[in-house]
Amino acid sequence: MLLLLFLSFILCFILGITWMRIGLYNLSGKQLNRWLHRFTETPLKGMAAGTAVTGILHSSAAVMVMTIGFVSAGLITFPQTIGVILGTNIGTTFTLEFISFPIDSFILPAAIPGFLLLFFRKRTARSTGWVLIGLALVFAAMRGFEWLADPLLKYGFVKKIFLFMDHSLIIPLVFGAVFTAAVQSSTATTGMMMSFLQADTVSLDSAISFMIGANIGTCITALLAAIGAGNEARLTAFAHVWLNIGGALLFFPFIHQLGRVSAFFSDGPASQLAHASVIYNILCSIIVLPFSMKFGKFIEHVHGIKK
């Protein structure tokens, strides 16, 4: 029964994020496409565009699929996507920051007017309705995960999993990568971990390791989207994988320090994980940005793919 509830809350979270994305895309989708298409002349502009579009759509996977589509259609080139990839990693942290605030008492009632707006003829009203209902589902799932934390620990194997996660930080990293690859939403899996962290089920260091693993796991969407989409699209997907694996290798030894820095900005466990995600992704992107063109050449050389 608890397992079914756990899966239901995951589906609820993913459905909420999806409906939010649909509503937000309907409200501003054409403009977002123009941003990605136009603002990729330099890596810095691409990073800014990727950050903005991902922050609005609340999905790095969706933006990566859009980017691979542009590359496949010949609208932009592989080197132009490096900046966008760096931006998606930053933009996806906005959702975690948002859901870390305790505003569910205001958001959940929004489901009622959101539902009523779906019956309006105007596209703007219906899209707003989808956004409000999506928000309500996300926060409902978050509270559900938090409520499930204690009952789940009554199961011996679940308790052992959490103990193993605190025993070795490599375990939550691998678990985060595999779990995120399965559900194809790093926001959903990291949001779930935020709830467990809030319930004092896992340590902050373990949660940060899980978040870093989730960044790797979300690459599966780009890899799937690149199948049969051409050489440059494949290079874009490979670049996404290399960037996230490289960031994980670089920062894994400093997880404890990252936790201490994020704790400096907030006393709330959920906010600390959200802050850690922001710091981690911004640092990773800033470190790579000056070398983005060389990084692109490295990807081409390693995978032996000619554009």
Foldseek 3Di string as FASTA:
>chain_A
DLVVLLVVLLVLLVLLLVLLLQLLCLVCVVVLLCQCLPQLPALQSLLVSLLVSCLSSLALLVVLLSVLVCCLVVSDFLLSCLSNLLNNLQNNLNVLLVLLDPPLVPLLVLLVCLVVQCPDPDSNSVSVSSNSNSSNSNNVSLVSLLVSLVVQCVDPVSLVLQVVLQVDLVSLLQVLQVVCLVSLGLCSVLSSLLSNVQNVSHDLLSSLSSSLSVQLNNLNSQCVSLVVSDLSSNLNSVLSNVLSVVLCVVCVVPSVVLLVVLCVVDVGSSSSSSSSSNVSSVVSSVVCRVVSVVSSVVSCVVVVGDD
